[in-house]
Amino acid sequence: MPQPPFRPTGRPRPGGARPALARPALTRLLAAALLLGAAAASLGAQGAGAVPRDDDPARSPGATFWVDPDSPAARQATAWRSAGRAADARLIERIAGRPQAVWLHSPGPGPAVRTATEAAAAAGHTPVLVAYFIPHRDCGAYSGGGAADAAAYRRWIDELAAGIGDRAAYVVLEPDAVAQKIAGCAKADADERYGLLAYAVDRIKARPHTKVYLDAGNSGWIPDENRLLDPLRRSGIAKADGFALNVSNYRTNAESSAYGHRLAGALGGAKHFVVDSSRNGNGPYTGGDEPWCNPPGRALGTPPTTATGDAALDAYLWIKRPGESDGTCRGGPPAGQWWPEYALGLASRAKA
């Protein structure tokens, strides 16, 4: 079911969810990341996946995607275990033990980027980062915000790129920015938005060990993939590694993969893609309005891995952090805030 033109997306909101990695001291985080490294590496196809390589840490067969040891899910598991809720803690560990993206959605991303990339590098792992600060973000809906203007956004991107340095990272660039403009967001000027995305691709790809994926919405939002071609080209897809699909949504892997192949073919066949599989274990919700917003009965999907069996599909990733709300619908807290009851439902319905 196509989404409305200006759908709220349930992304983190300034002042809502905890800024990425703001709490732990770097030393504590590095130590915890090292301890978690062995566990994350053992997840195999059921967990963190090895990333293919030349000489690049972001493509090393010995590298795994990084697990944040201080995620809301990790803290919830600890709290419930201390409270005697051992069974619930074990379920939440299905989320806490998996690599999830670090969302960068506030001014001054440099410290958070350095913390994540340094901790991941110390553990021999690769972090997944989400750049989410484009002007007129989410067209002013639930996750509205972003940079004040184009100049501020360019400075923000420069700081993000500098924070990565020469360390490895996967970067998912600006969820919804392209698709939402195609769908009719009048607040964003097309030339400015696509130009800023192209600037971001160029600056981040200048880092020696980054992979960059431009967000391309999902198969239910822009069903005709040909509508994405010109906007993606204007947004710098030629320099990017590829595009991201299904971010914060629930479309199945099969549907997303078929859509990704059609889009890649229409772009000339050279571009790869990644799919957000964080919450698509039971597919999309079809039982009512706002199917994208905290739908009932959903489940965790395929754990993060590069073992996709598809040469064009680089990875399944948990880009949306499972258990963080899509918005104030169906009893949820504000977008991006941790919702333990919803997280427990996602984990309890996950397929073994």
Protein backbone atom coordinates (compact mmCIF):
# COMPACT_ATOMS: atom_id res chain seq x y z
CA MET A 1 0.00 0.00 0.00
CA PRO A 2 1.65 3.27 -1.08
CA GLN A 3 2.47 5.66 1.70
CA PRO A 4 1.03 9.18 1.90
CA PRO A 5 3.13 11.94 0.33
CA PHE A 6 4.50 13.32 3.59
CA ARG A 7 4.51 10.25 5.79
CA PRO A 8 6.14 10.70 9.21
CA THR A 9 8.99 8.23 9.31
CA GLY A 10 9.74 7.48 12.92
CA ARG A 11 13.37 8.58 12.78
CA PRO A 12 15.23 9.86 15.82
CA ARG A 13 14.21 13.37 16.83
CA PRO A 14 16.44 16.07 18.31
CA GLY A 15 15.84 15.98 22.03
CA GLY A 16 14.08 12.64 21.70
CA ALA A 17 16.25 9.59 21.52
CA ARG A 18 19.64 9.60 23.23
CA PRO A 19 22.24 11.16 20.89
CA ALA A 20 24.27 8.36 19.42
CA LEU A 21 26.96 7.16 21.85
CA ALA A 22 26.73 10.29 23.99
CA ARG A 23 26.81 8.54 27.37
CA PRO A 24 29.70 6.14 27.64
CA ALA A 25 33.23 7.34 28.00
CA LEU A 26 35.43 6.27 25.14
CA THR A 27 37.60 4.07 27.33
CA ARG A 28 34.61 2.18 28.68
CA LEU A 29 33.17 1.82 25.22
CA LEU A 30 36.41 0.53 23.72
CA ALA A 31 36.74 -2.09 26.44
CA ALA A 32 33.14 -3.23 26.08
CA ALA A 33 33.40 -3.35 22.32
CA LEU A 34 36.47 -5.58 22.57
CA LEU A 35 34.62 -7.95 24.89
CA LEU A 36 31.66 -8.08 22.55
CA GLY A 37 33.83 -8.63 19.51
CA ALA A 38 34.18 -12.36 19.91
CA ALA A 39 30.48 -12.81 20.55
CA ALA A 40 29.53 -10.74 17.55
CA ALA A 41 31.94 -12.62 15.33
CA SER A 42 30.42 -15.94 16.36
CA LEU A 43 26.97 -14.95 15.16
CA GLY A 44 27.86 -15.89 11.58
CA ALA A 45 24.92 -15.97 9.22
CA GLN A 46 22.62 -15.52 12.18
CA GLY A 47 24.41 -12.36 13.32
CA ALA A 48 27.16 -10.00 12.28
CA GLY A 49 28.30 -10.77 8.77
CA ALA A 50 31.78 -10.66 7.34
CA VAL A 51 32.38 -7.84 4.92
CA PRO A 52 34.08 -8.61 1.59
CA ARG A 53 37.47 -7.08 0.85
CA ASP A 54 40.38 -6.04 -1.20
CA ASP A 55 42.80 -4.33 1.17
CA ASP A 56 40.05 -2.28 2.74
CA PRO A 57 39.00 -2.75 6.40
CA ALA A 58 35.41 -2.09 5.29
CA ARG A 59 35.70 -5.12 2.98
CA SER A 60 37.75 -7.46 5.14
CA PRO A 61 36.54 -11.07 5.43
CA GLY A 62 37.71 -10.99 9.03
CA ALA A 63 35.69 -7.91 9.92
CA THR A 64 32.18 -7.90 11.35
CA PHE A 65 29.66 -5.15 11.75
CA TRP A 66 30.05 -3.41 15.09
CA VAL A 67 27.72 -3.99 18.05
CA ASP A 68 27.07 -0.98 20.28
CA PRO A 69 27.57 -2.27 23.85
CA ASP A 70 25.57 0.62 25.32
CA SER A 71 22.48 0.48 23.12
CA PRO A 72 19.04 0.91 24.71
CA ALA A 73 18.46 -2.80 24.14
CA ALA A 74 21.67 -3.70 25.97
CA ARG A 75 20.73 -1.52 28.92
CA GLN A 76 17.21 -2.98 28.95
CA ALA A 77 18.51 -6.53 29.02
CA THR A 78 20.76 -5.67 31.97
CA ALA A 79 17.91 -3.98 33.83
CA TRP A 80 15.47 -6.84 33.31
CA ARG A 81 18.01 -9.44 34.31
CA SER A 82 18.69 -7.49 37.52
CA ALA A 83 14.94 -7.31 38.14
CA GLY A 84 14.55 -11.07 37.82
CA ARG A 85 13.02 -10.99 34.32
CA ALA A 86 15.56 -13.42 32.90
CA ALA A 87 13.32 -14.74 30.10
CA ASP A 88 12.53 -11.24 28.87
CA ALA A 89 16.20 -10.29 29.11
CA ARG A 90 17.13 -13.25 26.91
CA LEU A 91 14.59 -12.13 24.31
CA ILE A 92 15.88 -8.54 24.29
CA GLU A 93 19.39 -9.89 23.84
CA ARG A 94 18.23 -10.96 20.37
CA ILE A 95 18.35 -7.22 19.66
CA ALA A 96 21.21 -6.17 21.94
CA GLY A 97 23.61 -8.73 20.50
CA ARG A 98 23.13 -7.65 16.89
CA PRO A 99 24.89 -4.84 15.01
CA GLN A 100 22.65 -1.80 14.57
CA ALA A 101 23.23 1.53 12.88
CA VAL A 102 24.34 4.65 14.71
CA TRP A 103 22.01 7.51 13.73
CA LEU A 104 23.64 10.93 13.40
CA HIS A 105 20.82 13.44 13.58
CA SER A 106 22.03 16.34 15.71
CA PRO A 107 24.46 19.24 15.32
CA GLY A 108 28.14 18.47 15.79
CA PRO A 109 28.38 14.82 14.65
CA GLY A 110 32.17 14.62 14.93
CA PRO A 111 32.53 13.26 18.49
CA ALA A 112 29.86 10.57 18.00
CA VAL A 113 31.40 9.50 14.69
CA ARG A 114 34.89 9.29 16.17
CA THR A 115 33.65 7.35 19.19
CA ALA A 116 31.85 4.77 17.06
CA THR A 117 34.54 4.35 14.43
CA GLU A 118 37.37 4.19 16.97
CA ALA A 119 35.55 1.62 19.10
CA ALA A 120 34.73 -0.46 16.05
CA ALA A 121 38.28 -0.26 14.73
CA ALA A 122 39.69 -1.33 18.10
CA ALA A 123 37.48 -4.43 17.93
CA GLY A 124 38.32 -5.10 14.27
CA HIS A 125 34.75 -4.34 13.25
CA THR A 126 32.95 -1.97 10.87
CA PRO A 127 30.23 0.44 12.10
CA VAL A 128 27.10 1.34 10.17
CA LEU A 129 26.35 5.08 10.33
CA VAL A 130 23.23 6.93 9.22
CA ALA A 131 23.55 10.57 8.14
CA TYR A 132 20.18 12.16 8.89
CA PHE A 133 20.43 15.95 8.99
CA ILE A 134 19.27 17.22 5.58
CA PRO A 135 17.39 20.57 5.68
CA HIS A 136 13.60 20.08 5.92
CA ARG A 137 14.15 16.55 7.16
CA ASP A 138 11.03 14.38 7.04
CA CYS A 139 9.27 17.35 5.42
CA GLY A 140 8.66 18.71 8.93
CA ALA A 141 6.68 15.67 10.16
CA TYR A 142 7.34 13.53 13.26
CA SER A 143 11.09 13.47 12.67
CA GLY A 144 11.34 17.03 11.39
CA GLY A 145 14.50 19.03 11.89
CA GLY A 146 17.89 18.93 10.25
CA ALA A 147 20.32 21.64 9.24
CA ALA A 148 19.15 25.24 9.14
CA ASP A 149 20.32 25.76 5.57
CA ALA A 150 22.54 24.39 2.83
CA ALA A 151 25.72 25.93 4.18
CA ALA A 152 25.12 24.46 7.63
CA TYR A 153 24.54 21.04 6.08
CA ARG A 154 27.78 21.14 4.13
CA ARG A 155 29.67 22.01 7.33
CA TRP A 156 27.91 19.14 9.09
CA ILE A 157 28.89 16.68 6.36
CA ASP A 158 32.48 17.94 6.45
CA GLU A 159 32.60 17.29 10.19
CA LEU A 160 31.08 13.82 9.77
CA ALA A 161 33.63 12.89 7.08
CA ALA A 162 36.50 14.20 9.20
CA GLY A 163 35.24 12.12 12.13
CA ILE A 164 35.46 8.95 10.07
CA GLY A 165 39.04 9.70 9.08
CA ASP A 166 40.78 6.67 7.63
CA ARG A 167 38.67 4.16 9.58
CA ALA A 168 36.16 1.80 7.97
CA ALA A 169 32.44 2.58 7.89
CA TYR A 170 29.24 1.88 6.00
CA VAL A 171 27.25 5.12 5.64
CA VAL A 172 23.54 5.20 4.78
CA LEU A 173 22.82 8.66 3.48
CA GLU A 174 19.68 10.60 4.40
CA PRO A 175 16.72 8.22 4.73
CA ASP A 176 13.67 9.46 2.79
CA ALA A 177 15.39 12.52 1.34
CA VAL A 178 15.03 11.43 -2.29
CA ALA A 179 11.76 9.49 -2.13
CA GLN A 180 10.00 12.11 -0.04
CA LYS A 181 10.88 14.83 -2.51
CA ILE A 182 9.57 12.69 -5.36
CA ALA A 183 6.37 12.13 -3.37
CA GLY A 184 5.77 15.87 -3.26
CA CYS A 185 7.47 17.53 -0.28
CA ALA A 186 7.13 21.21 -1.25
CA LYS A 187 9.30 22.43 1.63
CA ALA A 188 12.48 21.08 0.04
CA ASP A 189 13.87 22.60 -3.16
CA ALA A 190 14.82 19.77 -5.52
CA ASP A 191 18.00 21.35 -6.88
CA GLU A 192 19.25 22.20 -3.42
CA ARG A 193 18.39 18.82 -1.90
CA TYR A 194 19.89 16.72 -4.66
CA GLY A 195 22.94 18.97 -4.79
CA LEU A 196 23.49 18.55 -1.05
CA LEU A 197 23.21 14.78 -1.33
CA ALA A 198 25.77 14.79 -4.14
CA TYR A 199 28.06 16.90 -1.97
CA ALA A 200 27.66 14.43 0.89
CA VAL A 201 28.44 11.44 -1.33
CA ASP A 202 31.55 13.15 -2.67
CA ARG A 203 32.88 14.16 0.75
CA ILE A 204 32.21 10.84 2.48
CA LYS A 205 33.53 8.74 -0.41
CA ALA A 206 36.75 10.75 -0.20
CA ARG A 207 37.45 8.82 3.01
CA PRO A 208 39.62 5.82 2.07
CA HIS A 209 37.58 3.04 3.69
CA THR A 210 33.92 4.04 3.47
CA LYS A 211 31.02 2.51 1.60
CA VAL A 212 28.15 4.94 0.89
CA TYR A 213 24.55 4.02 0.10
CA LEU A 214 22.01 6.67 -0.92
CA ASP A 215 18.58 5.98 0.51
CA ALA A 216 16.02 5.10 -2.18
CA GLY A 217 12.86 4.58 -0.10
CA ASN A 218 11.02 1.28 -0.44
CA SER A 219 9.05 -0.70 -2.97
CA GLY A 220 5.69 0.27 -1.50
CA TRP A 221 6.37 4.00 -1.51
CA ILE A 222 7.64 4.65 -5.05
CA PRO A 223 6.43 1.49 -6.86
CA ASP A 224 7.69 2.70 -10.23
CA GLU A 225 11.45 2.61 -9.74
CA ASN A 226 11.99 4.68 -12.89
CA ARG A 227 10.81 7.75 -10.98
CA LEU A 228 13.96 7.46 -8.85
CA LEU A 229 16.45 7.50 -11.70
CA ASP A 230 16.94 11.21 -12.36
CA PRO A 231 16.78 12.21 -8.67
CA LEU A 232 19.35 9.57 -7.73
CA ARG A 233 21.65 10.60 -10.54
CA ARG A 234 21.40 14.25 -9.49
CA SER A 235 22.10 13.10 -5.91
CA GLY A 236 25.45 11.54 -6.75
CA ILE A 237 24.62 7.86 -7.17
CA ALA A 238 27.41 7.57 -9.76
CA LYS A 239 30.04 8.06 -7.02
CA ALA A 240 28.19 6.09 -4.33
CA ASP A 241 28.60 2.37 -3.79
CA GLY A 242 24.87 1.98 -4.26
CA PHE A 243 21.52 2.60 -2.60
CA ALA A 244 19.64 1.55 0.54
CA LEU A 245 16.10 0.12 0.59
CA ASN A 246 13.38 -0.42 3.20
CA VAL A 247 14.93 1.82 5.87
CA SER A 248 12.59 1.83 8.90
CA ASN A 249 10.01 -0.12 6.91
CA TYR A 250 8.66 -3.66 6.80
CA ARG A 251 8.79 -4.82 3.18
CA THR A 252 10.05 -8.39 2.82
CA ASN A 253 13.54 -9.30 1.71
CA ALA A 254 12.18 -10.90 -1.45
CA GLU A 255 10.18 -7.82 -2.40
CA SER A 256 13.05 -5.46 -1.62
CA SER A 257 15.54 -7.59 -3.52
CA ALA A 258 13.38 -7.73 -6.63
CA TYR A 259 12.87 -3.97 -6.47
CA GLY A 260 16.58 -3.42 -5.91
CA HIS A 261 17.49 -5.44 -8.98
CA ARG A 262 15.02 -3.50 -11.12
CA LEU A 263 16.37 -0.19 -9.87
CA ALA A 264 19.99 -1.25 -10.27
CA GLY A 265 19.28 -2.42 -13.80
CA ALA A 266 17.58 0.85 -14.67
CA LEU A 267 20.64 2.70 -13.36
CA GLY A 268 22.88 0.75 -15.70
CA GLY A 269 23.49 -2.41 -13.71
CA ALA A 270 26.65 -1.37 -11.89
CA LYS A 271 25.20 -0.29 -8.55
CA HIS A 272 24.73 -2.54 -5.54
CA PHE A 273 22.27 -2.12 -2.67
CA VAL A 274 21.62 -2.91 0.99
CA VAL A 275 18.31 -3.80 2.63
CA ASP A 276 17.09 -2.88 6.12
CA SER A 277 15.89 -6.21 7.53
CA SER A 278 15.57 -5.07 11.13
CA ARG A 279 11.80 -5.49 11.50
CA ASN A 280 10.54 -7.24 8.37
CA GLY A 281 10.35 -10.78 9.73
CA ASN A 282 6.58 -10.87 9.31
CA GLY A 283 6.44 -8.53 6.34
CA PRO A 284 4.34 -5.34 6.05
CA TYR A 285 1.20 -4.68 8.06
CA THR A 286 -2.03 -4.75 6.07
CA GLY A 287 -4.64 -4.37 8.78
CA GLY A 288 -5.24 -0.63 8.99
CA ASP A 289 -4.09 2.94 8.53
CA GLU A 290 -0.49 4.10 8.92
CA PRO A 291 1.00 0.66 8.26
CA TRP A 292 4.49 2.11 8.65
CA CYS A 293 3.93 3.40 12.20
CA ASN A 294 4.48 0.91 15.05
CA PRO A 295 2.37 -1.78 13.34
CA PRO A 296 1.32 -4.69 15.54
CA GLY A 297 2.48 -8.24 15.08
CA ARG A 298 5.83 -7.46 13.44
CA ALA A 299 9.03 -9.42 14.04
CA LEU A 300 12.78 -9.08 13.82
CA GLY A 301 14.11 -9.96 10.38
CA THR A 302 17.32 -11.42 8.97
CA PRO A 303 20.26 -10.54 11.23
CA PRO A 304 22.93 -8.29 9.69
CA THR A 305 25.15 -10.16 7.28
CA THR A 306 26.90 -9.86 3.96
CA ALA A 307 26.21 -13.53 3.25
CA THR A 308 23.21 -12.65 1.11
CA GLY A 309 23.72 -15.13 -1.71
CA ASP A 310 23.20 -12.25 -4.15
CA ALA A 311 26.14 -10.51 -5.81
CA ALA A 312 24.26 -7.20 -6.09
CA LEU A 313 22.89 -7.25 -2.53
CA ASP A 314 25.84 -6.19 -0.40
CA ALA A 315 24.25 -6.73 3.02
CA TYR A 316 21.19 -7.09 5.15
CA LEU A 317 21.54 -4.40 7.83
CA TRP A 318 19.61 -3.35 10.91
CA ILE A 319 19.44 0.31 9.98
CA LYS A 320 16.36 1.13 12.03
CA ARG A 321 17.17 0.18 15.61
CA PRO A 322 14.52 -2.39 16.61
CA GLY A 323 12.48 -1.27 19.59
CA GLU A 324 12.77 2.46 18.88
CA SER A 325 9.39 4.01 18.16
CA ASP A 326 8.15 5.13 14.74
CA GLY A 327 6.17 7.95 16.33
CA THR A 328 3.29 8.73 18.65
CA CYS A 329 0.87 6.26 17.09
CA ARG A 330 -0.62 3.06 18.49
CA GLY A 331 0.45 4.10 21.98
CA GLY A 332 4.09 4.66 21.12
CA PRO A 333 6.46 7.29 22.53
CA PRO A 334 7.92 10.02 20.28
CA ALA A 335 9.83 8.94 17.21
CA GLY A 336 13.21 7.41 17.94
CA GLN A 337 12.59 6.77 21.64
CA TRP A 338 13.12 3.30 23.08
CA TRP A 339 9.89 1.37 23.64
CA PRO A 340 10.65 -1.83 25.60
CA GLU A 341 7.23 -3.42 25.17
CA TYR A 342 7.36 -3.09 21.40
CA ALA A 343 10.93 -4.36 21.36
CA LEU A 344 9.89 -7.41 23.36
CA GLY A 345 7.15 -8.17 20.84
CA LEU A 346 9.56 -7.91 17.90
CA ALA A 347 12.02 -10.22 19.62
CA SER A 348 9.45 -12.76 20.80
CA ARG A 349 8.09 -13.21 17.28
CA ALA A 350 11.52 -13.52 15.64
CA LYS A 351 12.13 -16.76 13.79
CA ALA A 352 14.92 -18.84 15.27
